[in-house]
């Protein structure tokens, strides 16, 4: 009897811990193209904006090869108090920032540093660009009211595509060229 009670209690604690992890804003992966509608309202909300900014800065729509960028994903929606993100890159390497982590090869929020009084949250991560090719970032973001429930939350999805920049790529030169 004691063994059965101990196992049942361990199961209850494990389920409670998993529920706390979801409710505390620790991120959820696999939502980059489908969004957050399974829990936070059926439809995307266009007022939830997701903006990516890069350091070093980029020419809009282009990246430099083999460059490490600190990327800030700004999630905004007037009146909301908490934000989260799920972001995937089609190429390059992702690494966690100060308030993000890697979950199933995607960037998600940690639950720390994602509360705001301004309706806007910056979530940082690092992306090292590939040597060539086109890169697509797919993302879903949530702007929540921080009531520990799914009501009153809004979300949106987005895509950013970057092409390899021609700037900064060395050209071959020929010296001592003679046309005799």
C-alpha atoms as a PDB file:
ATOM      1  CA  UNK A   1       0.000   0.000   0.000  1.00  0.00           C
ATOM      2  CA  UNK A   2       2.811   2.413   0.870  1.00  0.00           C
ATOM      3  CA  UNK A   3       4.478   1.816  -2.523  1.00  0.00           C
ATOM      4  CA  UNK A   4       1.202   2.487  -4.393  1.00  0.00           C
ATOM      5  CA  UNK A   5       0.581   5.696  -2.430  1.00  0.00           C
ATOM      6  CA  UNK A   6       4.146   6.892  -3.063  1.00  0.00           C
ATOM      7  CA  UNK A   7       3.813   6.250  -6.818  1.00  0.00           C
ATOM      8  CA  UNK A   8       0.426   7.964  -6.965  1.00  0.00           C
ATOM      9  CA  UNK A   9       1.775  10.984  -5.060  1.00  0.00           C
ATOM     10  CA  UNK A  10       4.824  11.154  -7.364  1.00  0.00           C
ATOM     11  CA  UNK A  11       2.496  11.109 -10.393  1.00  0.00           C
ATOM     12  CA  UNK A  12       0.362  13.920  -8.994  1.00  0.00           C
ATOM     13  CA  UNK A  13       3.465  16.024  -8.265  1.00  0.00           C
ATOM     14  CA  UNK A  14       4.818  15.414 -11.785  1.00  0.00           C
ATOM     15  CA  UNK A  15       1.516  16.454 -13.416  1.00  0.00           C
ATOM     16  CA  UNK A  16       1.352  19.542 -11.191  1.00  0.00           C
ATOM     17  CA  UNK A  17       4.919  20.496 -12.106  1.00  0.00           C
ATOM     18  CA  UNK A  18       4.155  20.148 -15.825  1.00  0.00           C
ATOM     19  CA  UNK A  19       1.051  22.315 -15.434  1.00  0.00           C
ATOM     20  CA  UNK A  20       3.039  24.964 -13.558  1.00  0.00           C
ATOM     21  CA  UNK A  21       5.655  24.990 -16.324  1.00  0.00           C
ATOM     22  CA  UNK A  22       3.007  25.699 -18.962  1.00  0.00           C
ATOM     23  CA  UNK A  23       1.201  28.337 -16.884  1.00  0.00           C
ATOM     24  CA  UNK A  24       4.385  30.112 -15.778  1.00  0.00           C
ATOM     25  CA  UNK A  25       5.274  31.145 -19.332  1.00  0.00           C
ATOM     26  CA  UNK A  26       8.237  28.857 -19.887  1.00  0.00           C
ATOM     27  CA  UNK A  27       7.606  28.550 -23.604  1.00  0.00           C
ATOM     28  CA  UNK A  28       6.104  26.010 -25.919  1.00  0.00           C
ATOM     29  CA  UNK A  29       7.626  24.811 -29.189  1.00  0.00           C
ATOM     30  CA  UNK A  30       5.949  23.573 -32.354  1.00  0.00           C
ATOM     31  CA  UNK A  31       3.696  26.624 -32.790  1.00  0.00           C
ATOM     32  CA  UNK A  32       5.721  28.599 -35.359  1.00  0.00           C
ATOM     33  CA  UNK A  33       3.294  28.019 -38.225  1.00  0.00           C
ATOM     34  CA  UNK A  34       0.067  27.018 -36.460  1.00  0.00           C
ATOM     35  CA  UNK A  35       0.029  29.648 -33.712  1.00  0.00           C
ATOM     36  CA  UNK A  36      -1.318  29.533 -30.194  1.00  0.00           C
ATOM     37  CA  UNK A  37      -4.992  28.946 -31.025  1.00  0.00           C
ATOM     38  CA  UNK A  38      -5.200  25.579 -29.323  1.00  0.00           C
ATOM     39  CA  UNK A  39      -5.102  27.379 -25.948  1.00  0.00           C
ATOM     40  CA  UNK A  40      -5.318  31.149 -26.435  1.00  0.00           C
ATOM     41  CA  UNK A  41      -8.216  31.907 -28.783  1.00  0.00           C
ATOM     42  CA  UNK A  42      -9.013  30.380 -32.135  1.00  0.00           C
ATOM     43  CA  UNK A  43      -7.783  33.166 -34.415  1.00  0.00           C
ATOM     44  CA  UNK A  44      -4.616  35.192 -34.852  1.00  0.00           C
ATOM     45  CA  UNK A  45      -4.912  38.827 -33.783  1.00  0.00           C
ATOM     46  CA  UNK A  46      -3.334  41.356 -36.177  1.00  0.00           C
ATOM     47  CA  UNK A  47      -2.757  43.881 -33.358  1.00  0.00           C
ATOM     48  CA  UNK A  48      -0.123  41.543 -31.880  1.00  0.00           C
ATOM     49  CA  UNK A  49       3.050  42.590 -33.669  1.00  0.00           C
ATOM     50  CA  UNK A  50       6.351  40.751 -33.860  1.00  0.00           C
ATOM     51  CA  UNK A  51       9.396  42.719 -34.985  1.00  0.00           C
ATOM     52  CA  UNK A  52      12.900  41.286 -35.428  1.00  0.00           C
ATOM     53  CA  UNK A  53      15.909  43.592 -35.108  1.00  0.00           C
ATOM     54  CA  UNK A  54      19.533  42.561 -35.592  1.00  0.00           C
ATOM     55  CA  UNK A  55      22.879  43.566 -34.094  1.00  0.00           C
ATOM     56  CA  UNK A  56      24.988  44.105 -36.104  1.00  0.00           C
ATOM     57  CA  UNK A  57      22.282  45.714 -38.193  1.00  0.00           C
ATOM     58  CA  UNK A  58      21.320  44.243 -41.541  1.00  0.00           C
ATOM     59  CA  UNK A  59      20.174  45.665 -44.844  1.00  0.00           C
ATOM     60  CA  UNK A  60      16.441  44.880 -44.720  1.00  0.00           C
ATOM     61  CA  UNK A  61      15.864  41.465 -46.269  1.00  0.00           C
ATOM     62  CA  UNK A  62      19.555  40.466 -46.377  1.00  0.00           C
ATOM     63  CA  UNK A  63      22.170  38.875 -44.110  1.00  0.00           C
ATOM     64  CA  UNK A  64      25.965  38.560 -44.256  1.00  0.00           C
ATOM     65  CA  UNK A  65      27.347  35.010 -44.396  1.00  0.00           C
ATOM     66  CA  UNK A  66      28.812  33.342 -41.293  1.00  0.00           C
ATOM     67  CA  UNK A  67      27.932  36.290 -39.067  1.00  0.00           C
ATOM     68  CA  UNK A  68      26.764  36.094 -35.462  1.00  0.00           C
ATOM     69  CA  UNK A  69      23.787  38.357 -34.807  1.00  0.00           C
ATOM     70  CA  UNK A  70      22.079  39.211 -31.549  1.00  0.00           C
ATOM     71  CA  UNK A  71      18.418  39.255 -32.520  1.00  0.00           C
ATOM     72  CA  UNK A  72      15.699  41.005 -30.547  1.00  0.00           C
ATOM     73  CA  UNK A  73      12.154  39.830 -31.119  1.00  0.00           C
ATOM     74  CA  UNK A  74       9.799  42.548 -29.898  1.00  0.00           C
ATOM     75  CA  UNK A  75       6.281  41.322 -29.135  1.00  0.00           C
ATOM     76  CA  UNK A  76       3.750  44.106 -28.681  1.00  0.00           C
ATOM     77  CA  UNK A  77       0.030  44.519 -28.085  1.00  0.00           C
ATOM     78  CA  UNK A  78      -1.460  47.493 -26.249  1.00  0.00           C
ATOM     79  CA  UNK A  79      -2.605  46.664 -22.733  1.00  0.00           C
ATOM     80  CA  UNK A  80      -1.013  43.246 -22.450  1.00  0.00           C
ATOM     81  CA  UNK A  81       1.315  42.454 -19.536  1.00  0.00           C
ATOM     82  CA  UNK A  82       3.256  39.348 -20.603  1.00  0.00           C
ATOM     83  CA  UNK A  83       4.659  38.007 -23.871  1.00  0.00           C
ATOM     84  CA  UNK A  84       6.106  34.840 -25.307  1.00  0.00           C
ATOM     85  CA  UNK A  85       7.530  33.574 -28.566  1.00  0.00           C
ATOM     86  CA  UNK A  86       8.236  30.398 -30.492  1.00  0.00           C
ATOM     87  CA  UNK A  87      10.699  30.947 -33.349  1.00  0.00           C
ATOM     88  CA  UNK A  88      12.402  28.594 -35.798  1.00  0.00           C
ATOM     89  CA  UNK A  89      15.086  29.340 -38.403  1.00  0.00           C
ATOM     90  CA  UNK A  90      15.379  27.329 -41.621  1.00  0.00           C
ATOM     91  CA  UNK A  91      19.187  27.715 -41.660  1.00  0.00           C
ATOM     92  CA  UNK A  92      22.000  28.911 -39.443  1.00  0.00           C
ATOM     93  CA  UNK A  93      22.423  28.231 -35.751  1.00  0.00           C
ATOM     94  CA  UNK A  94      20.194  29.460 -32.920  1.00  0.00           C
ATOM     95  CA  UNK A  95      21.386  30.052 -29.343  1.00  0.00           C
ATOM     96  CA  UNK A  96      19.483  31.273 -26.294  1.00  0.00           C
ATOM     97  CA  UNK A  97      19.689  34.846 -25.041  1.00  0.00           C
ATOM     98  CA  UNK A  98      19.090  36.368 -21.621  1.00  0.00           C
ATOM     99  CA  UNK A  99      15.347  35.618 -21.511  1.00  0.00           C
ATOM    100  CA  UNK A 100      15.025  32.796 -24.050  1.00  0.00           C
ATOM    101  CA  UNK A 101      15.986  29.153 -24.293  1.00  0.00           C
ATOM    102  CA  UNK A 102      16.201  26.410 -26.910  1.00  0.00           C
ATOM    103  CA  UNK A 103      13.329  23.924 -26.888  1.00  0.00           C
ATOM    104  CA  UNK A 104      13.205  21.319 -29.665  1.00  0.00           C
ATOM    105  CA  UNK A 105      15.603  23.411 -31.827  1.00  0.00           C
ATOM    106  CA  UNK A 106      13.373  26.505 -31.502  1.00  0.00           C
ATOM    107  CA  UNK A 107      13.676  29.718 -29.489  1.00  0.00           C
ATOM    108  CA  UNK A 108      11.073  30.120 -26.724  1.00  0.00           C
ATOM    109  CA  UNK A 109      10.773  32.455 -23.734  1.00  0.00           C
ATOM    110  CA  UNK A 110      12.053  31.357 -20.323  1.00  0.00           C
ATOM    111  CA  UNK A 111       9.378  32.993 -18.184  1.00  0.00           C
ATOM    112  CA  UNK A 112      11.942  35.468 -16.840  1.00  0.00           C
ATOM    113  CA  UNK A 113      12.088  38.937 -18.360  1.00  0.00           C
ATOM    114  CA  UNK A 114       8.864  38.629 -20.297  1.00  0.00           C
ATOM    115  CA  UNK A 115       6.566  40.763 -18.120  1.00  0.00           C
ATOM    116  CA  UNK A 116       5.871  44.382 -19.042  1.00  0.00           C
ATOM    117  CA  UNK A 117       3.849  47.421 -18.060  1.00  0.00           C
ATOM    118  CA  UNK A 118       4.205  48.984 -21.517  1.00  0.00           C
ATOM    119  CA  UNK A 119       2.547  46.340 -23.718  1.00  0.00           C
ATOM    120  CA  UNK A 120       5.889  45.477 -25.352  1.00  0.00           C
ATOM    121  CA  UNK A 121       8.477  42.802 -24.479  1.00  0.00           C
ATOM    122  CA  UNK A 122      11.931  42.261 -26.010  1.00  0.00           C
ATOM    123  CA  UNK A 123      13.064  38.630 -26.229  1.00  0.00           C
ATOM    124  CA  UNK A 124      16.727  38.186 -27.195  1.00  0.00           C
ATOM    125  CA  UNK A 125      18.576  35.323 -28.857  1.00  0.00           C
ATOM    126  CA  UNK A 126      21.656  34.703 -30.990  1.00  0.00           C
ATOM    127  CA  UNK A 127      21.601  33.589 -34.615  1.00  0.00           C
ATOM    128  CA  UNK A 128      24.703  32.658 -36.597  1.00  0.00           C
ATOM    129  CA  UNK A 129      23.947  32.949 -40.284  1.00  0.00           C
ATOM    130  CA  UNK A 130      24.804  30.237 -42.799  1.00  0.00           C
ATOM    131  CA  UNK A 131      27.429  30.617 -45.529  1.00  0.00           C
ATOM    132  CA  UNK A 132      24.788  30.830 -48.254  1.00  0.00           C
ATOM    133  CA  UNK A 133      21.135  30.396 -49.139  1.00  0.00           C
ATOM    134  CA  UNK A 134      17.849  31.939 -48.149  1.00  0.00           C
ATOM    135  CA  UNK A 135      16.790  31.860 -44.491  1.00  0.00           C
ATOM    136  CA  UNK A 136      13.212  31.875 -43.251  1.00  0.00           C
ATOM    137  CA  UNK A 137      12.262  32.680 -39.671  1.00  0.00           C
ATOM    138  CA  UNK A 138       8.793  31.402 -38.746  1.00  0.00           C
ATOM    139  CA  UNK A 139       7.380  32.553 -35.442  1.00  0.00           C
ATOM    140  CA  UNK A 140       4.339  32.709 -33.224  1.00  0.00           C
ATOM    141  CA  UNK A 141       4.007  35.217 -30.423  1.00  0.00           C
ATOM    142  CA  UNK A 142       1.554  35.638 -27.603  1.00  0.00           C
ATOM    143  CA  UNK A 143       0.597  38.818 -25.763  1.00  0.00           C
ATOM    144  CA  UNK A 144      -1.089  37.806 -22.529  1.00  0.00           C
ATOM    145  CA  UNK A 145      -2.865  39.546 -19.677  1.00  0.00           C
ATOM    146  CA  UNK A 146      -0.946  37.560 -17.009  1.00  0.00           C
ATOM    147  CA  UNK A 147      -4.067  36.182 -15.281  1.00  0.00           C
ATOM    148  CA  UNK A 148      -2.664  32.596 -15.238  1.00  0.00           C
ATOM    149  CA  UNK A 149      -5.465  31.523 -17.570  1.00  0.00           C
ATOM    150  CA  UNK A 150      -5.916  31.426 -21.326  1.00  0.00           C
ATOM    151  CA  UNK A 151      -8.711  34.010 -21.427  1.00  0.00           C
ATOM    152  CA  UNK A 152      -7.838  37.548 -22.509  1.00  0.00           C
ATOM    153  CA  UNK A 153      -4.706  36.475 -24.390  1.00  0.00           C
ATOM    154  CA  UNK A 154      -3.938  37.331 -28.010  1.00  0.00           C
ATOM    155  CA  UNK A 155      -1.480  35.841 -30.499  1.00  0.00           C
ATOM    156  CA  UNK A 156      -0.189  36.168 -34.028  1.00  0.00           C
ATOM    157  CA  UNK A 157       2.195  34.392 -36.413  1.00  0.00           C
ATOM    158  CA  UNK A 158       4.719  35.759 -38.870  1.00  0.00           C
ATOM    159  CA  UNK A 159       7.516  35.010 -41.279  1.00  0.00           C
ATOM    160  CA  UNK A 160      10.700  36.881 -42.099  1.00  0.00           C
ATOM    161  CA  UNK A 161      12.811  35.820 -45.071  1.00  0.00           C
ATOM    162  CA  UNK A 162      16.426  36.905 -45.534  1.00  0.00           C
ATOM    163  CA  UNK A 163      18.585  36.411 -48.612  1.00  0.00           C
ATOM    164  CA  UNK A 164      22.362  36.327 -48.769  1.00  0.00           C
ATOM    165  CA  UNK A 165      23.728  39.844 -49.133  1.00  0.00           C
ATOM    166  CA  UNK A 166      26.091  40.715 -51.970  1.00  0.00           C
ATOM    167  CA  UNK A 167      27.669  43.351 -49.716  1.00  0.00           C
ATOM    168  CA  UNK A 168      30.837  42.237 -47.981  1.00  0.00           C
ATOM    169  CA  UNK A 169      31.543  39.319 -50.291  1.00  0.00           C
ATOM    170  CA  UNK A 170      35.045  39.573 -51.713  1.00  0.00           C
ATOM    171  CA  UNK A 171      35.499  39.579 -55.473  1.00  0.00           C
ATOM    172  CA  UNK A 172      38.413  37.910 -57.212  1.00  0.00           C
ATOM    173  CA  UNK A 173      40.853  40.322 -58.790  1.00  0.00           C
ATOM    174  CA  UNK A 174      43.392  39.748 -61.512  1.00  0.00           C
ATOM    175  CA  UNK A 175      46.701  41.548 -61.369  1.00  0.00           C
ATOM    176  CA  UNK A 176      49.274  41.896 -64.132  1.00  0.00           C
ATOM    177  CA  UNK A 177      46.695  41.406 -66.855  1.00  0.00           C
ATOM    178  CA  UNK A 178      48.235  41.860 -70.292  1.00  0.00           C
ATOM    179  CA  UNK A 179      46.457  41.904 -73.660  1.00  0.00           C
ATOM    180  CA  UNK A 180      49.361  41.756 -76.041  1.00  0.00           C
END
